[in-house]
Amino acid sequence: MRKPISLSPTEGEAGLDEPQNLDMILDLPLEVSVRLGQTRILIRELLRLDKNSVLELDQGADEPLDIVVNESVLARGEVVDIEGRLGIRITDIVSRKERVETLS
């Protein structure tokens, strides 16, 4: 019959270092932007834009906005008004599979 193995506290706590490793990156800055839509126009059309010009985007008004972190879509959301300031309510987090696909 085998005797159970007993680990010393330092050997058994090796997995506890992982949250500390995460702490090392928590203060790294990330660029977060919200993509409302996009379009392609010719330079001549760009030069014609003036105050009150309307630029039609490829996204419908009722479609969710893309929340982009370091050029990768992380989530989707909708615009909200919070005491006169605009914000984004996150309505969907992009799956890990979708995030990996956007990297390639």
N, C-alpha and C. Protein backbone atom coordinates (compact mmCIF):
# COMPACT_ATOMS: atom_id res chain seq x y z
N MET A 1 0.83 -1.18 0.00
CA MET A 1 0.00 0.00 0.00
C MET A 1 0.88 1.25 0.00
N ARG A 2 0.52 2.20 -0.86
CA ARG A 2 1.32 3.41 -0.98
C ARG A 2 0.95 4.41 0.10
N LYS A 3 1.94 5.10 0.55
CA LYS A 3 1.75 6.15 1.55
C LYS A 3 1.38 7.45 0.82
N PRO A 4 0.35 8.19 1.26
CA PRO A 4 -0.02 9.45 0.58
C PRO A 4 1.13 10.45 0.62
N ILE A 5 1.24 11.19 -0.47
CA ILE A 5 2.30 12.20 -0.55
C ILE A 5 1.81 13.46 0.13
N SER A 6 2.67 14.01 0.97
CA SER A 6 2.31 15.27 1.62
C SER A 6 3.23 16.36 1.09
N LEU A 7 2.66 17.44 0.65
CA LEU A 7 3.43 18.54 0.07
C LEU A 7 3.69 19.59 1.12
N SER A 8 4.88 20.15 1.07
CA SER A 8 5.16 21.26 1.97
C SER A 8 4.39 22.48 1.46
N PRO A 9 4.14 23.49 2.31
CA PRO A 9 3.36 24.66 1.88
C PRO A 9 3.91 25.33 0.63
N THR A 10 5.23 25.41 0.46
CA THR A 10 5.76 26.07 -0.74
C THR A 10 5.51 25.25 -2.00
N GLU A 11 5.54 23.92 -1.90
CA GLU A 11 5.29 23.09 -3.07
C GLU A 11 3.82 23.12 -3.47
N GLY A 12 2.94 23.14 -2.50
CA GLY A 12 1.51 23.10 -2.78
C GLY A 12 0.94 24.44 -3.20
N GLU A 13 1.68 25.52 -2.99
CA GLU A 13 1.17 26.86 -3.29
C GLU A 13 1.68 27.40 -4.61
N ALA A 14 2.27 26.56 -5.43
CA ALA A 14 2.83 27.03 -6.70
C ALA A 14 1.75 27.68 -7.57
N GLY A 15 0.52 27.13 -7.56
CA GLY A 15 -0.57 27.70 -8.34
C GLY A 15 -1.04 29.04 -7.83
N LEU A 16 -0.70 29.39 -6.61
CA LEU A 16 -1.12 30.67 -6.04
C LEU A 16 -0.33 31.84 -6.62
N ASP A 17 0.77 31.57 -7.30
CA ASP A 17 1.56 32.65 -7.89
C ASP A 17 0.89 33.22 -9.13
N GLU A 18 0.00 32.48 -9.75
CA GLU A 18 -0.63 32.95 -10.99
C GLU A 18 -1.35 34.27 -10.81
N PRO A 19 -2.17 34.48 -9.77
CA PRO A 19 -2.79 35.80 -9.63
C PRO A 19 -1.76 36.91 -9.45
N GLN A 20 -0.64 36.62 -8.79
CA GLN A 20 0.40 37.63 -8.64
C GLN A 20 0.99 37.96 -10.01
N ASN A 21 1.15 36.97 -10.88
CA ASN A 21 1.63 37.24 -12.23
C ASN A 21 0.66 38.13 -12.98
N LEU A 22 -0.63 37.92 -12.77
CA LEU A 22 -1.63 38.77 -13.39
C LEU A 22 -1.52 40.20 -12.86
N ASP A 23 -1.20 40.35 -11.59
CA ASP A 23 -1.03 41.68 -11.01
C ASP A 23 0.04 42.49 -11.74
N MET A 24 1.03 41.82 -12.31
CA MET A 24 2.12 42.52 -13.00
C MET A 24 1.62 43.26 -14.24
N ILE A 25 0.54 42.80 -14.85
CA ILE A 25 0.08 43.44 -16.09
C ILE A 25 -1.16 44.30 -15.89
N LEU A 26 -1.72 44.34 -14.69
CA LEU A 26 -2.97 45.06 -14.49
C LEU A 26 -2.85 46.56 -14.74
N ASP A 27 -1.67 47.13 -14.63
CA ASP A 27 -1.49 48.56 -14.82
C ASP A 27 -0.99 48.93 -16.21
N LEU A 28 -0.96 47.97 -17.13
CA LEU A 28 -0.55 48.28 -18.50
C LEU A 28 -1.68 49.00 -19.22
N PRO A 29 -1.37 50.09 -19.91
CA PRO A 29 -2.42 50.81 -20.64
C PRO A 29 -2.83 50.10 -21.92
N LEU A 30 -4.11 50.14 -22.22
CA LEU A 30 -4.65 49.60 -23.46
C LEU A 30 -5.44 50.69 -24.17
N GLU A 31 -5.39 50.68 -25.48
CA GLU A 31 -6.18 51.64 -26.25
C GLU A 31 -7.56 51.04 -26.50
N VAL A 32 -8.59 51.70 -25.99
CA VAL A 32 -9.97 51.24 -26.17
C VAL A 32 -10.69 52.27 -27.01
N SER A 33 -11.35 51.81 -28.06
CA SER A 33 -12.14 52.71 -28.91
C SER A 33 -13.46 52.03 -29.24
N VAL A 34 -14.40 52.83 -29.70
CA VAL A 34 -15.71 52.33 -30.08
C VAL A 34 -15.89 52.64 -31.55
N ARG A 35 -16.19 51.60 -32.32
CA ARG A 35 -16.34 51.75 -33.76
C ARG A 35 -17.82 51.86 -34.10
N LEU A 36 -18.19 52.99 -34.61
CA LEU A 36 -19.57 53.27 -34.97
C LEU A 36 -19.92 52.73 -36.35
N GLY A 37 -18.95 52.62 -37.19
CA GLY A 37 -19.14 52.14 -38.55
C GLY A 37 -18.01 52.66 -39.40
N GLN A 38 -18.04 52.32 -40.67
CA GLN A 38 -16.99 52.79 -41.56
C GLN A 38 -17.54 52.91 -42.97
N THR A 39 -16.77 53.57 -43.80
CA THR A 39 -17.13 53.71 -45.21
C THR A 39 -15.87 53.98 -46.01
N ARG A 40 -15.96 53.83 -47.29
CA ARG A 40 -14.86 54.18 -48.19
C ARG A 40 -15.33 55.31 -49.10
N ILE A 41 -14.49 56.32 -49.21
CA ILE A 41 -14.82 57.41 -50.12
C ILE A 41 -13.56 57.79 -50.91
N LEU A 42 -13.79 58.42 -52.02
CA LEU A 42 -12.69 58.91 -52.84
C LEU A 42 -12.12 60.19 -52.23
N ILE A 43 -10.88 60.47 -52.55
CA ILE A 43 -10.25 61.69 -52.02
C ILE A 43 -11.04 62.92 -52.46
N ARG A 44 -11.56 62.93 -53.69
CA ARG A 44 -12.33 64.10 -54.15
C ARG A 44 -13.58 64.30 -53.30
N GLU A 45 -14.21 63.17 -52.87
CA GLU A 45 -15.38 63.28 -52.00
C GLU A 45 -14.98 63.76 -50.61
N LEU A 46 -13.84 63.31 -50.14
CA LEU A 46 -13.34 63.74 -48.83
C LEU A 46 -13.08 65.25 -48.83
N LEU A 47 -12.52 65.74 -49.90
CA LEU A 47 -12.23 67.17 -49.99
C LEU A 47 -13.48 68.03 -50.09
N ARG A 48 -14.59 67.45 -50.51
CA ARG A 48 -15.86 68.17 -50.61
C ARG A 48 -16.60 68.26 -49.28
N LEU A 49 -16.17 67.46 -48.28
CA LEU A 49 -16.86 67.48 -46.99
C LEU A 49 -16.71 68.84 -46.35
N ASP A 50 -17.79 69.30 -45.76
CA ASP A 50 -17.82 70.61 -45.12
C ASP A 50 -18.68 70.49 -43.86
N LYS A 51 -18.76 71.54 -43.12
CA LYS A 51 -19.62 71.57 -41.94
C LYS A 51 -21.04 71.19 -42.37
N ASN A 52 -21.69 70.34 -41.59
CA ASN A 52 -23.03 69.81 -41.82
C ASN A 52 -23.10 68.75 -42.92
N SER A 53 -21.97 68.34 -43.47
CA SER A 53 -21.98 67.23 -44.41
C SER A 53 -22.35 65.96 -43.67
N VAL A 54 -22.98 65.04 -44.36
CA VAL A 54 -23.36 63.76 -43.77
C VAL A 54 -22.55 62.67 -44.47
N LEU A 55 -21.90 61.85 -43.68
CA LEU A 55 -21.10 60.77 -44.19
C LEU A 55 -21.82 59.47 -43.83
N GLU A 56 -22.32 58.77 -44.83
CA GLU A 56 -23.09 57.54 -44.58
C GLU A 56 -22.14 56.40 -44.24
N LEU A 57 -22.46 55.69 -43.15
CA LEU A 57 -21.64 54.58 -42.70
C LEU A 57 -22.29 53.26 -43.11
N ASP A 58 -21.51 52.18 -43.03
CA ASP A 58 -22.00 50.87 -43.44
C ASP A 58 -22.82 50.18 -42.36
N GLN A 59 -22.99 50.79 -41.21
CA GLN A 59 -23.66 50.16 -40.09
C GLN A 59 -25.01 50.83 -39.84
N GLY A 60 -26.03 50.03 -39.58
CA GLY A 60 -27.34 50.57 -39.30
C GLY A 60 -27.42 51.22 -37.93
N ALA A 61 -28.36 52.13 -37.77
CA ALA A 61 -28.51 52.87 -36.51
C ALA A 61 -28.89 51.96 -35.35
N ASP A 62 -29.54 50.84 -35.63
CA ASP A 62 -29.97 49.95 -34.55
C ASP A 62 -28.99 48.81 -34.27
N GLU A 63 -27.87 48.76 -35.00
CA GLU A 63 -26.88 47.70 -34.81
C GLU A 63 -25.95 48.06 -33.65
N PRO A 64 -25.45 47.04 -32.94
CA PRO A 64 -24.53 47.32 -31.82
C PRO A 64 -23.20 47.88 -32.33
N LEU A 65 -22.55 48.67 -31.48
CA LEU A 65 -21.25 49.24 -31.78
C LEU A 65 -20.16 48.25 -31.38
N ASP A 66 -19.04 48.28 -32.06
CA ASP A 66 -17.91 47.41 -31.72
C ASP A 66 -17.03 48.13 -30.71
N ILE A 67 -16.69 47.44 -29.62
CA ILE A 67 -15.74 47.95 -28.64
C ILE A 67 -14.42 47.28 -28.96
N VAL A 68 -13.44 48.11 -29.32
CA VAL A 68 -12.18 47.62 -29.86
C VAL A 68 -11.06 47.90 -28.87
N VAL A 69 -10.28 46.86 -28.55
CA VAL A 69 -9.13 47.00 -27.65
C VAL A 69 -7.89 46.59 -28.42
N ASN A 70 -6.96 47.53 -28.53
CA ASN A 70 -5.73 47.28 -29.29
C ASN A 70 -6.02 46.67 -30.65
N GLU A 71 -6.95 47.24 -31.37
CA GLU A 71 -7.31 46.89 -32.74
C GLU A 71 -8.04 45.55 -32.88
N SER A 72 -8.49 44.94 -31.78
CA SER A 72 -9.28 43.71 -31.83
C SER A 72 -10.63 43.94 -31.18
N VAL A 73 -11.70 43.47 -31.82
CA VAL A 73 -13.04 43.62 -31.25
C VAL A 73 -13.14 42.72 -30.02
N LEU A 74 -13.47 43.32 -28.89
CA LEU A 74 -13.58 42.58 -27.63
C LEU A 74 -15.03 42.40 -27.22
N ALA A 75 -15.87 43.39 -27.56
CA ALA A 75 -17.26 43.34 -27.12
C ALA A 75 -18.11 44.19 -28.06
N ARG A 76 -19.41 44.14 -27.83
CA ARG A 76 -20.35 44.98 -28.57
C ARG A 76 -21.26 45.66 -27.56
N GLY A 77 -21.78 46.81 -27.94
CA GLY A 77 -22.61 47.53 -27.00
C GLY A 77 -23.47 48.57 -27.66
N GLU A 78 -24.15 49.34 -26.81
CA GLU A 78 -25.06 50.38 -27.31
C GLU A 78 -24.76 51.68 -26.58
N VAL A 79 -25.06 52.78 -27.24
CA VAL A 79 -24.80 54.10 -26.67
C VAL A 79 -25.83 54.39 -25.59
N VAL A 80 -25.34 54.94 -24.47
CA VAL A 80 -26.22 55.39 -23.39
C VAL A 80 -25.83 56.81 -23.01
N ASP A 81 -26.80 57.55 -22.49
CA ASP A 81 -26.58 58.92 -22.02
C ASP A 81 -26.56 58.87 -20.50
N ILE A 82 -25.43 59.24 -19.91
CA ILE A 82 -25.28 59.24 -18.46
C ILE A 82 -25.03 60.67 -18.02
N GLU A 83 -26.08 61.31 -17.53
CA GLU A 83 -25.99 62.69 -17.05
C GLU A 83 -25.35 63.61 -18.08
N GLY A 84 -25.79 63.51 -19.32
CA GLY A 84 -25.31 64.39 -20.38
C GLY A 84 -24.00 63.95 -21.02
N ARG A 85 -23.43 62.84 -20.60
CA ARG A 85 -22.21 62.32 -21.21
C ARG A 85 -22.53 60.99 -21.88
N LEU A 86 -21.86 60.72 -22.99
CA LEU A 86 -22.10 59.47 -23.70
C LEU A 86 -21.27 58.35 -23.09
N GLY A 87 -21.85 57.17 -23.08
CA GLY A 87 -21.17 55.98 -22.61
C GLY A 87 -21.61 54.80 -23.45
N ILE A 88 -21.02 53.65 -23.21
CA ILE A 88 -21.37 52.43 -23.93
C ILE A 88 -21.77 51.38 -22.91
N ARG A 89 -22.95 50.82 -23.09
CA ARG A 89 -23.39 49.68 -22.29
C ARG A 89 -22.99 48.42 -23.04
N ILE A 90 -22.19 47.58 -22.40
CA ILE A 90 -21.75 46.35 -23.04
C ILE A 90 -22.92 45.37 -23.07
N THR A 91 -23.24 44.90 -24.26
CA THR A 91 -24.36 43.96 -24.42
C THR A 91 -23.90 42.56 -24.78
N ASP A 92 -22.64 42.44 -25.25
CA ASP A 92 -22.14 41.14 -25.68
C ASP A 92 -20.62 41.14 -25.62
N ILE A 93 -20.05 40.08 -25.09
CA ILE A 93 -18.60 39.89 -25.09
C ILE A 93 -18.28 38.91 -26.22
N VAL A 94 -17.30 39.25 -27.04
CA VAL A 94 -16.91 38.41 -28.16
C VAL A 94 -16.31 37.11 -27.61
N SER A 95 -16.68 36.00 -28.21
CA SER A 95 -16.17 34.70 -27.76
C SER A 95 -14.67 34.61 -28.00
N ARG A 96 -14.02 33.74 -27.25
CA ARG A 96 -12.58 33.54 -27.41
C ARG A 96 -12.26 33.12 -28.84
N LYS A 97 -13.10 32.29 -29.44
CA LYS A 97 -12.89 31.84 -30.82
C LYS A 97 -12.90 33.02 -31.78
N GLU A 98 -13.90 33.91 -31.63
CA GLU A 98 -13.97 35.10 -32.50
C GLU A 98 -12.75 36.01 -32.32
N ARG A 99 -12.29 36.16 -31.06
CA ARG A 99 -11.12 37.01 -30.81
C ARG A 99 -9.89 36.44 -31.48
N VAL A 100 -9.71 35.12 -31.43
CA VAL A 100 -8.56 34.48 -32.07
C VAL A 100 -8.64 34.66 -33.58
N GLU A 101 -9.84 34.54 -34.15
CA GLU A 101 -10.00 34.70 -35.59
C GLU A 101 -9.64 36.11 -36.05
N THR A 102 -9.91 37.12 -35.23
CA THR A 102 -9.59 38.49 -35.63
C THR A 102 -8.10 38.78 -35.58
N LEU A 103 -7.33 37.95 -34.89
CA LEU A 103 -5.89 38.14 -34.81
C LEU A 103 -5.19 37.75 -36.10
N SER A 104 -5.80 36.86 -36.87
CA SER A 104 -5.13 36.40 -38.09
C SER A 104 -5.47 37.24 -39.28
